[in-house]
Protein backbone atom coordinates (compact mmCIF):
# COMPACT_ATOMS: atom_id res chain seq x y z
CA MET A 1 3.26 -35.16 8.01
CA SER A 2 5.09 -31.91 7.37
CA THR A 3 8.07 -31.26 9.62
CA LYS A 4 8.23 -27.57 8.82
CA ARG A 5 7.97 -25.28 11.85
CA GLY A 6 8.43 -21.56 12.34
CA VAL A 7 8.53 -18.57 14.65
CA LEU A 8 6.71 -15.30 14.02
CA PHE A 9 7.99 -12.11 15.62
CA ASP A 10 6.24 -8.84 16.25
CA VAL A 11 8.68 -5.99 15.58
CA ASP A 12 7.83 -2.76 17.43
CA GLY A 13 8.48 -3.23 21.14
CA THR A 14 9.63 -6.82 20.61
CA LEU A 15 12.73 -6.55 18.42
CA ILE A 16 12.98 -2.75 18.12
CA ASP A 17 12.86 -0.38 21.12
CA SER A 18 10.08 1.78 19.72
CA SER A 19 6.96 1.46 21.89
CA TYR A 20 7.52 4.66 23.81
CA LEU A 21 8.43 6.56 20.67
CA HIS A 22 5.14 5.43 19.12
CA THR A 23 3.41 6.59 22.31
CA LEU A 24 5.02 10.02 22.01
CA ALA A 25 4.23 10.27 18.30
CA TRP A 26 0.55 9.52 18.96
CA TRP A 27 0.48 11.98 21.88
CA LEU A 28 1.88 14.74 19.68
CA ALA A 29 -0.58 13.85 16.91
CA PHE A 30 -3.48 14.19 19.35
CA ARG A 31 -2.11 17.46 20.72
CA ARG A 32 -1.86 18.91 17.21
CA GLU A 33 -5.62 18.42 16.95
CA GLY A 34 -6.22 19.99 20.34
CA LEU A 35 -6.90 16.62 21.97
CA ASP A 36 -5.43 15.96 25.41
CA VAL A 37 -4.88 12.22 25.96
CA GLN A 38 -2.72 10.78 28.74
CA MET A 39 0.47 9.13 27.52
CA SER A 40 -0.19 6.15 29.78
CA THR A 41 -3.55 5.61 28.07
CA ILE A 42 -1.89 5.72 24.66
CA HIS A 43 0.92 3.38 25.67
CA ARG A 44 -1.50 0.69 26.80
CA CYS A 45 -3.02 0.75 23.30
CA VAL A 46 0.26 0.63 21.37
CA GLY A 47 0.33 -2.67 19.50
CA MET A 48 -3.15 -2.16 18.12
CA GLY A 49 -3.54 -0.88 14.60
CA GLY A 50 -3.75 2.91 14.40
CA ASP A 51 -7.46 2.87 13.61
CA LYS A 52 -8.25 0.76 16.66
CA LEU A 53 -5.92 2.74 18.92
CA ILE A 54 -7.71 5.96 18.02
CA HIS A 55 -11.13 4.38 18.57
CA GLN A 56 -9.99 2.99 21.93
CA VAL A 57 -8.97 6.40 23.29
CA LEU A 58 -11.50 8.55 21.35
CA ALA A 59 -14.62 6.52 20.71
CA ASP A 60 -16.46 9.41 19.01
CA CYS A 61 -13.64 10.47 16.69
CA SER A 62 -14.79 11.23 13.14
CA VAL A 63 -13.37 9.36 10.16
CA GLU A 64 -11.82 12.57 8.87
CA THR A 65 -10.08 13.25 12.18
CA GLN A 66 -8.88 9.63 12.34
CA GLU A 67 -7.14 10.03 8.98
CA VAL A 68 -5.54 13.29 10.09
CA LEU A 69 -4.31 11.67 13.30
CA LYS A 70 -2.87 8.63 11.52
CA SER A 71 -1.07 10.84 9.01
CA SER A 72 0.27 13.06 11.78
CA HIS A 73 1.47 10.07 13.80
CA GLY A 74 3.32 8.71 10.78
CA ALA A 75 4.97 12.06 10.09
CA VAL A 76 6.07 12.52 13.69
CA PHE A 77 7.28 8.94 14.08
CA SER A 78 9.45 9.25 10.98
CA THR A 79 11.40 12.03 12.74
CA PHE A 80 12.30 9.44 15.40
CA TRP A 81 13.84 6.98 12.95
CA PRO A 82 17.43 8.05 13.81
CA ALA A 83 16.73 7.24 17.48
CA LEU A 84 15.45 3.70 16.85
CA ARG A 85 17.59 0.83 18.09
CA PRO A 86 17.20 -2.96 18.10
CA PHE A 87 16.98 -4.54 21.51
CA ASP A 88 20.10 -6.34 22.68
CA ALA A 89 20.46 -9.74 20.96
CA ALA A 90 17.46 -9.20 18.63
CA LYS A 91 19.56 -10.07 15.59
CA GLU A 92 21.17 -13.02 17.36
CA LEU A 93 17.75 -14.38 18.34
CA LEU A 94 16.53 -14.29 14.75
CA ASN A 95 19.72 -15.94 13.56
CA ALA A 96 19.53 -18.64 16.24
CA CYS A 97 15.99 -19.57 15.22
CA SER A 98 16.94 -19.69 11.55
CA GLN A 99 20.10 -21.70 12.16
CA ALA A 100 18.08 -24.20 14.19
CA GLY A 101 16.05 -24.91 11.06
CA LEU A 102 12.93 -22.88 11.87
CA ALA A 103 11.27 -20.57 9.38
CA VAL A 104 11.34 -16.98 10.65
CA GLY A 105 8.66 -14.40 9.92
CA LEU A 106 8.17 -10.78 10.96
CA ALA A 107 4.44 -10.46 11.60
CA SER A 108 4.37 -6.68 11.76
CA SER A 109 1.45 -4.36 11.15
CA ALA A 110 3.76 -1.35 10.83
CA GLN A 111 3.62 0.95 7.84
CA GLN A 112 5.87 -0.40 5.09
CA ARG A 113 8.33 2.49 5.30
CA ASP A 114 8.67 2.05 9.08
CA LEU A 115 9.17 -1.70 8.66
CA ASP A 116 11.89 -1.07 6.06
CA VAL A 117 13.75 1.07 8.61
CA CYS A 118 13.39 -1.61 11.28
CA ARG A 119 14.65 -4.34 8.97
CA ARG A 120 17.74 -2.30 8.14
CA LEU A 121 18.39 -1.82 11.85
CA LEU A 122 17.97 -5.53 12.59
CA ASP A 123 20.43 -6.40 9.79
CA ALA A 124 19.15 -9.98 9.78
CA ASP A 125 17.46 -10.39 6.41
CA SER A 126 19.41 -13.60 5.75
CA ALA A 127 17.55 -15.15 8.71
CA ILE A 128 14.09 -13.78 7.80
CA ASP A 129 11.97 -15.83 5.43
CA ALA A 130 8.89 -13.59 5.23
CA TRP A 131 7.49 -10.36 6.60
CA THR A 132 4.26 -8.41 6.61
CA SER A 133 3.27 -4.76 6.90
CA SER A 134 -0.06 -2.99 7.30
CA ASN A 135 -0.59 -3.54 3.55
CA ASP A 136 -1.04 -7.27 4.15
CA ALA A 137 -4.08 -7.22 6.42
CA LYS A 138 -7.61 -5.93 6.26
CA GLU A 139 -8.01 -5.84 10.04
CA SER A 140 -5.29 -4.74 12.45
CA LYS A 141 -4.44 -6.27 15.83
CA PRO A 142 -6.01 -7.55 18.00
CA ALA A 143 -7.54 -9.20 14.91
CA PRO A 144 -5.24 -12.05 13.75
CA ASP A 145 -5.04 -10.99 10.08
CA ILE A 146 -1.34 -10.05 10.19
CA LEU A 147 -0.38 -13.40 11.70
CA LEU A 148 -2.46 -15.27 9.15
CA ALA A 149 -0.84 -13.32 6.31
CA CYS A 150 2.67 -14.11 7.55
CA MET A 151 1.79 -17.77 8.12
CA GLU A 152 0.47 -17.99 4.57
CA LYS A 153 3.71 -16.56 3.20
CA LEU A 154 5.64 -19.20 5.15
CA GLY A 155 3.23 -22.00 4.26
CA LEU A 156 2.58 -22.80 7.93
CA GLY A 157 -0.50 -23.39 10.08
CA PRO A 158 -1.29 -22.39 13.69
CA ARG A 159 0.05 -25.66 15.12
CA ASP A 160 3.36 -25.16 13.34
CA ILE A 161 4.39 -21.86 14.92
CA VAL A 162 5.08 -19.86 18.06
CA PHE A 163 4.54 -16.10 18.10
CA VAL A 164 6.79 -13.68 20.01
CA GLY A 165 5.27 -10.31 20.93
CA ASP A 166 5.25 -7.63 23.61
CA ALA A 167 1.67 -6.38 23.83
CA VAL A 168 -1.57 -7.76 25.21
CA TRP A 169 -2.94 -7.24 21.70
CA ASP A 170 -0.28 -9.57 20.28
CA VAL A 171 -1.31 -12.31 22.69
CA LYS A 172 -5.01 -11.83 21.97
CA ALA A 173 -4.47 -11.88 18.19
CA ALA A 174 -2.52 -15.13 18.38
CA ALA A 175 -4.97 -16.76 20.79
CA GLU A 176 -7.83 -16.13 18.39
CA ILE A 177 -6.28 -18.59 15.92
CA GLY A 178 -4.84 -21.03 18.46
CA VAL A 179 -1.23 -19.86 18.33
CA HIS A 180 0.90 -19.83 21.50
CA THR A 181 2.63 -16.56 22.35
CA ILE A 182 5.91 -15.94 24.11
CA ALA A 183 5.70 -12.41 25.50
CA LEU A 184 8.53 -9.97 26.21
CA THR A 185 8.22 -7.16 28.76
CA CYS A 186 10.65 -4.84 26.96
CA GLY A 187 7.71 -3.07 25.30
CA GLY A 188 6.61 -1.80 28.71
CA ILE A 189 3.73 -4.16 29.56
CA SER A 190 3.98 -6.12 32.80
CA ALA A 191 4.54 -9.85 32.95
CA ALA A 192 1.34 -10.26 34.98
CA GLU A 193 -0.78 -8.56 32.30
CA LEU A 194 0.81 -10.58 29.53
CA ARG A 195 0.27 -13.86 31.38
CA HIS A 196 -3.32 -12.87 32.16
CA ALA A 197 -3.87 -12.25 28.44
CA GLY A 198 -2.71 -15.82 27.75
CA ALA A 199 1.04 -15.73 27.08
CA VAL A 200 2.54 -19.18 27.64
CA GLU A 201 5.88 -17.71 28.74
CA VAL A 202 7.24 -14.26 29.55
CA TYR A 203 10.83 -13.05 29.24
CA GLU A 204 12.38 -9.65 29.81
CA ASN A 205 13.81 -9.10 26.32
CA PRO A 206 15.30 -10.89 23.28
CA ARG A 207 18.53 -11.57 25.18
CA ALA A 208 16.66 -13.40 27.95
CA LEU A 209 14.70 -15.46 25.43
CA LEU A 210 17.86 -16.30 23.50
CA GLU A 211 19.57 -17.49 26.68
CA ASN A 212 16.61 -19.76 27.44
CA LEU A 213 15.79 -20.73 23.86
CA GLU A 214 16.18 -24.49 24.22
CA ALA A 215 13.88 -24.63 27.26
CA SER A 216 11.33 -22.23 25.79
CA ALA A 217 8.23 -22.91 23.70
CA ILE A 218 10.43 -22.31 20.66
CA GLY A 219 12.77 -25.05 21.83
CA ARG A 220 9.83 -27.41 22.30
CA LEU A 221 8.58 -26.54 18.83
CA LEU A 222 11.99 -27.38 17.43
CA ALA A 223 12.07 -30.65 19.37
CA GLY A 224 8.69 -31.55 17.88
CA ARG A 225 10.04 -30.84 14.42
CA GLN A 226 13.03 -33.09 15.01
CA ASN A 227 10.84 -35.91 16.40
CA ALA A 228 8.59 -35.71 13.33
CA GLN A 229 11.64 -36.15 11.10
CA GLU A 230 12.74 -39.34 12.89
């Protein structure tokens, strides 16, 4: 039996404080096309892929308009890069998982250029074994394609990992393939909503998870790995 175990992390809203900046970028993209969408509506969809977010808030949007909106969102969001910051202890959390002997993956559906910026901000590449971007999946969240792609890169199966995310869509994507999710509320979604979606645990932010790592689902995964080695 393989003793390899791992942890997958969403990036936006989980490790990087970017959920509200994505919300604003989408809002401005819609406004540029003369479309008035409430920010709160947009925020509740952040975590989905761009195509699904647009469909969720504008069911009758044409394919041409969708492409314009996605391009506009990307252009606006890139102007926010200087404002992006990792959450407190995000780097330390990645390092702690790696040092404990777990494989670490970034299961992100961000555009590659945005992910590159986030990785530089995290400054934890020595602890990261694999990562994904939107290029790695046919279907975006809440489909599980991104998680499956990252798991494949790590050589792990659903029973070998825990996923850490901040959105209902993260939890739903993981649940579809039988993966347990630890949810963080730092992306702006309530603990009650995340638990209702199926999160096995909820913490405020990376710092809170790090401080409770041993007692968390990650700690139990690590304990299972150690027991399998004995």
